[in-house]
C-alpha atoms as a PDB file:
ATOM      1  CA  UNK A   1     -88.030  29.664  94.354  1.00  0.00           C
ATOM      2  CA  UNK A   2     -86.638  26.956  96.621  1.00  0.00           C
ATOM      3  CA  UNK A   3     -83.279  27.307  98.317  1.00  0.00           C
ATOM      4  CA  UNK A   4     -82.051  24.042  96.759  1.00  0.00           C
ATOM      5  CA  UNK A   5     -82.958  25.251  93.238  1.00  0.00           C
ATOM      6  CA  UNK A   6     -81.214  28.576  93.829  1.00  0.00           C
ATOM      7  CA  UNK A   7     -78.115  26.830  95.187  1.00  0.00           C
ATOM      8  CA  UNK A   8     -77.992  24.458  92.213  1.00  0.00           C
ATOM      9  CA  UNK A   9     -78.250  27.347  89.714  1.00  0.00           C
ATOM     10  CA  UNK A  10     -75.603  29.375  91.541  1.00  0.00           C
ATOM     11  CA  UNK A  11     -73.217  26.392  91.676  1.00  0.00           C
ATOM     12  CA  UNK A  12     -73.745  25.838  87.949  1.00  0.00           C
ATOM     13  CA  UNK A  13     -72.924  29.505  87.239  1.00  0.00           C
ATOM     14  CA  UNK A  14     -69.673  29.180  89.168  1.00  0.00           C
ATOM     15  CA  UNK A  15     -68.556  25.911  87.551  1.00  0.00           C
ATOM     16  CA  UNK A  16     -69.782  26.256  83.937  1.00  0.00           C
ATOM     17  CA  UNK A  17     -67.430  27.545  81.270  1.00  0.00           C
ATOM     18  CA  UNK A  18     -68.049  30.871  79.519  1.00  0.00           C
ATOM     19  CA  UNK A  19     -69.284  29.261  76.289  1.00  0.00           C
ATOM     20  CA  UNK A  20     -71.964  27.285  78.112  1.00  0.00           C
ATOM     21  CA  UNK A  21     -73.154  30.354  80.037  1.00  0.00           C
ATOM     22  CA  UNK A  22     -73.297  32.391  76.809  1.00  0.00           C
ATOM     23  CA  UNK A  23     -75.356  29.654  75.130  1.00  0.00           C
ATOM     24  CA  UNK A  24     -77.822  29.629  78.031  1.00  0.00           C
ATOM     25  CA  UNK A  25     -78.170  33.416  77.908  1.00  0.00           C
ATOM     26  CA  UNK A  26     -78.816  33.306  74.142  1.00  0.00           C
ATOM     27  CA  UNK A  27     -81.458  30.608  74.610  1.00  0.00           C
ATOM     28  CA  UNK A  28     -83.233  32.802  77.179  1.00  0.00           C
ATOM     29  CA  UNK A  29     -83.201  35.702  74.692  1.00  0.00           C
ATOM     30  CA  UNK A  30     -84.802  33.440  72.064  1.00  0.00           C
ATOM     31  CA  UNK A  31     -87.740  32.816  74.402  1.00  0.00           C
ATOM     32  CA  UNK A  32     -88.063  36.522  75.282  1.00  0.00           C
ATOM     33  CA  UNK A  33     -88.181  37.472  71.581  1.00  0.00           C
ATOM     34  CA  UNK A  34     -90.894  34.875  70.845  1.00  0.00           C
ATOM     35  CA  UNK A  35     -88.627  32.957  68.477  1.00  0.00           C
ATOM     36  CA  UNK A  36     -87.964  29.243  68.158  1.00  0.00           C
ATOM     37  CA  UNK A  37     -84.687  27.509  69.009  1.00  0.00           C
ATOM     38  CA  UNK A  38     -82.708  26.660  65.855  1.00  0.00           C
ATOM     39  CA  UNK A  39     -82.252  23.065  67.052  1.00  0.00           C
ATOM     40  CA  UNK A  40     -86.054  22.648  67.226  1.00  0.00           C
ATOM     41  CA  UNK A  41     -86.730  23.972  63.700  1.00  0.00           C
ATOM     42  CA  UNK A  42     -87.895  21.569  61.009  1.00  0.00           C
ATOM     43  CA  UNK A  43     -86.634  21.516  57.425  1.00  0.00           C
ATOM     44  CA  UNK A  44     -88.915  23.428  55.004  1.00  0.00           C
ATOM     45  CA  UNK A  45     -90.802  25.111  57.838  1.00  0.00           C
ATOM     46  CA  UNK A  46     -91.525  28.809  58.075  1.00  0.00           C
ATOM     47  CA  UNK A  47     -89.546  29.907  61.131  1.00  0.00           C
ATOM     48  CA  UNK A  48     -88.685  32.836  63.358  1.00  0.00           C
ATOM     49  CA  UNK A  49     -85.252  32.498  64.967  1.00  0.00           C
ATOM     50  CA  UNK A  50     -83.186  34.940  67.028  1.00  0.00           C
ATOM     51  CA  UNK A  51     -79.521  35.009  67.915  1.00  0.00           C
ATOM     52  CA  UNK A  52     -76.149  36.643  67.522  1.00  0.00           C
ATOM     53  CA  UNK A  53     -74.329  36.950  64.213  1.00  0.00           C
ATOM     54  CA  UNK A  54     -71.089  34.987  64.495  1.00  0.00           C
ATOM     55  CA  UNK A  55     -69.661  35.651  61.045  1.00  0.00           C
ATOM     56  CA  UNK A  56     -70.440  37.457  57.801  1.00  0.00           C
ATOM     57  CA  UNK A  57     -69.031  36.181  54.506  1.00  0.00           C
ATOM     58  CA  UNK A  58     -69.264  37.448  50.934  1.00  0.00           C
ATOM     59  CA  UNK A  59     -69.604  34.592  48.431  1.00  0.00           C
ATOM     60  CA  UNK A  60     -70.530  34.134  44.809  1.00  0.00           C
ATOM     61  CA  UNK A  61     -73.440  31.890  43.820  1.00  0.00           C
ATOM     62  CA  UNK A  62     -73.824  31.278  40.079  1.00  0.00           C
ATOM     63  CA  UNK A  63     -71.734  34.377  39.380  1.00  0.00           C
ATOM     64  CA  UNK A  64     -73.880  36.671  41.513  1.00  0.00           C
ATOM     65  CA  UNK A  65     -72.799  38.008  44.908  1.00  0.00           C
ATOM     66  CA  UNK A  66     -74.381  36.720  48.095  1.00  0.00           C
ATOM     67  CA  UNK A  67     -73.886  37.789  51.680  1.00  0.00           C
ATOM     68  CA  UNK A  68     -73.957  34.973  54.259  1.00  0.00           C
ATOM     69  CA  UNK A  69     -74.436  35.601  57.976  1.00  0.00           C
ATOM     70  CA  UNK A  70     -74.135  32.749  60.483  1.00  0.00           C
ATOM     71  CA  UNK A  71     -76.564  33.293  63.370  1.00  0.00           C
ATOM     72  CA  UNK A  72     -76.091  31.342  66.625  1.00  0.00           C
ATOM     73  CA  UNK A  73     -78.827  31.071  69.270  1.00  0.00           C
ATOM     74  CA  UNK A  74     -77.238  28.822  71.889  1.00  0.00           C
ATOM     75  CA  UNK A  75     -78.856  25.644  70.531  1.00  0.00           C
ATOM     76  CA  UNK A  76     -77.482  25.736  66.990  1.00  0.00           C
ATOM     77  CA  UNK A  77     -76.684  27.894  63.987  1.00  0.00           C
ATOM     78  CA  UNK A  78     -78.537  28.988  60.879  1.00  0.00           C
ATOM     79  CA  UNK A  79     -77.034  30.681  57.835  1.00  0.00           C
ATOM     80  CA  UNK A  80     -78.930  33.664  56.427  1.00  0.00           C
ATOM     81  CA  UNK A  81     -78.139  34.037  52.714  1.00  0.00           C
ATOM     82  CA  UNK A  82     -78.933  37.395  51.125  1.00  0.00           C
ATOM     83  CA  UNK A  83     -78.792  36.846  47.362  1.00  0.00           C
ATOM     84  CA  UNK A  84     -77.516  39.691  45.189  1.00  0.00           C
ATOM     85  CA  UNK A  85     -76.116  41.647  48.134  1.00  0.00           C
ATOM     86  CA  UNK A  86     -72.500  42.549  48.868  1.00  0.00           C
ATOM     87  CA  UNK A  87     -73.198  44.384  52.117  1.00  0.00           C
ATOM     88  CA  UNK A  88     -76.147  45.161  54.361  1.00  0.00           C
ATOM     89  CA  UNK A  89     -75.769  47.952  56.919  1.00  0.00           C
ATOM     90  CA  UNK A  90     -76.091  46.515  60.434  1.00  0.00           C
ATOM     91  CA  UNK A  91     -75.452  42.906  59.410  1.00  0.00           C
ATOM     92  CA  UNK A  92     -72.109  42.433  61.151  1.00  0.00           C
ATOM     93  CA  UNK A  93     -70.507  40.011  63.605  1.00  0.00           C
ATOM     94  CA  UNK A  94     -71.643  40.479  67.180  1.00  0.00           C
ATOM     95  CA  UNK A  95     -75.062  42.009  66.363  1.00  0.00           C
ATOM     96  CA  UNK A  96     -78.281  40.453  67.628  1.00  0.00           C
ATOM     97  CA  UNK A  97     -80.889  39.723  64.988  1.00  0.00           C
ATOM     98  CA  UNK A  98     -84.292  38.089  64.502  1.00  0.00           C
ATOM     99  CA  UNK A  99     -84.795  36.211  61.211  1.00  0.00           C
ATOM    100  CA  UNK A 100     -88.085  35.209  59.564  1.00  0.00           C
ATOM    101  CA  UNK A 101     -88.196  32.859  56.589  1.00  0.00           C
ATOM    102  CA  UNK A 102     -88.312  29.305  55.274  1.00  0.00           C
ATOM    103  CA  UNK A 103     -85.626  26.999  56.665  1.00  0.00           C
ATOM    104  CA  UNK A 104     -83.897  24.650  54.230  1.00  0.00           C
ATOM    105  CA  UNK A 105     -80.910  22.334  54.429  1.00  0.00           C
ATOM    106  CA  UNK A 106     -78.167  23.478  52.055  1.00  0.00           C
ATOM    107  CA  UNK A 107     -74.812  21.630  52.108  1.00  0.00           C
ATOM    108  CA  UNK A 108     -75.760  20.075  55.485  1.00  0.00           C
ATOM    109  CA  UNK A 109     -76.358  23.528  57.026  1.00  0.00           C
ATOM    110  CA  UNK A 110     -79.611  25.068  58.181  1.00  0.00           C
ATOM    111  CA  UNK A 111     -80.150  27.947  55.755  1.00  0.00           C
ATOM    112  CA  UNK A 112     -82.701  30.707  55.204  1.00  0.00           C
ATOM    113  CA  UNK A 113     -82.549  32.461  51.824  1.00  0.00           C
ATOM    114  CA  UNK A 114     -83.401  36.184  51.749  1.00  0.00           C
ATOM    115  CA  UNK A 115     -84.912  36.261  55.238  1.00  0.00           C
ATOM    116  CA  UNK A 116     -86.849  39.152  56.633  1.00  0.00           C
ATOM    117  CA  UNK A 117     -84.710  40.432  59.494  1.00  0.00           C
ATOM    118  CA  UNK A 118     -84.864  42.743  62.483  1.00  0.00           C
ATOM    119  CA  UNK A 119     -81.720  44.172  64.048  1.00  0.00           C
ATOM    120  CA  UNK A 120     -81.893  44.197  67.845  1.00  0.00           C
ATOM    121  CA  UNK A 121     -80.370  47.097  69.764  1.00  0.00           C
ATOM    122  CA  UNK A 122     -78.340  46.008  72.793  1.00  0.00           C
ATOM    123  CA  UNK A 123     -80.315  46.551  75.966  1.00  0.00           C
ATOM    124  CA  UNK A 124     -83.624  46.873  74.095  1.00  0.00           C
ATOM    125  CA  UNK A 125     -86.631  45.245  75.703  1.00  0.00           C
ATOM    126  CA  UNK A 126     -88.832  42.953  73.618  1.00  0.00           C
ATOM    127  CA  UNK A 127     -92.287  44.327  72.821  1.00  0.00           C
END
């Protein structure tokens, strides 16, 4: 590690706003978890993404309930839609999660329907 590189990183930490620092930290967690950045995911591809749940919303699709969780990874957001569910224990704002599924564009939003998910405990090391 060169002194100039260290100084540049330290200066950036002191001058960057909190949102930018949070995004960088989330992007590092994506790499640690072996996931792909949301911004780099292709439509209709099978993906593994990781991030923090920003919001959880209960909606109705065709008369059936659906739970929507917006997951942000520092590069972008994806909406996980759980069809037929009103609530899922552990799926709540602020939790870290890894999602596996097929990415689609729905109403100009990156969406994964009924993803397989893993809740991440705070402070847990990736295997």
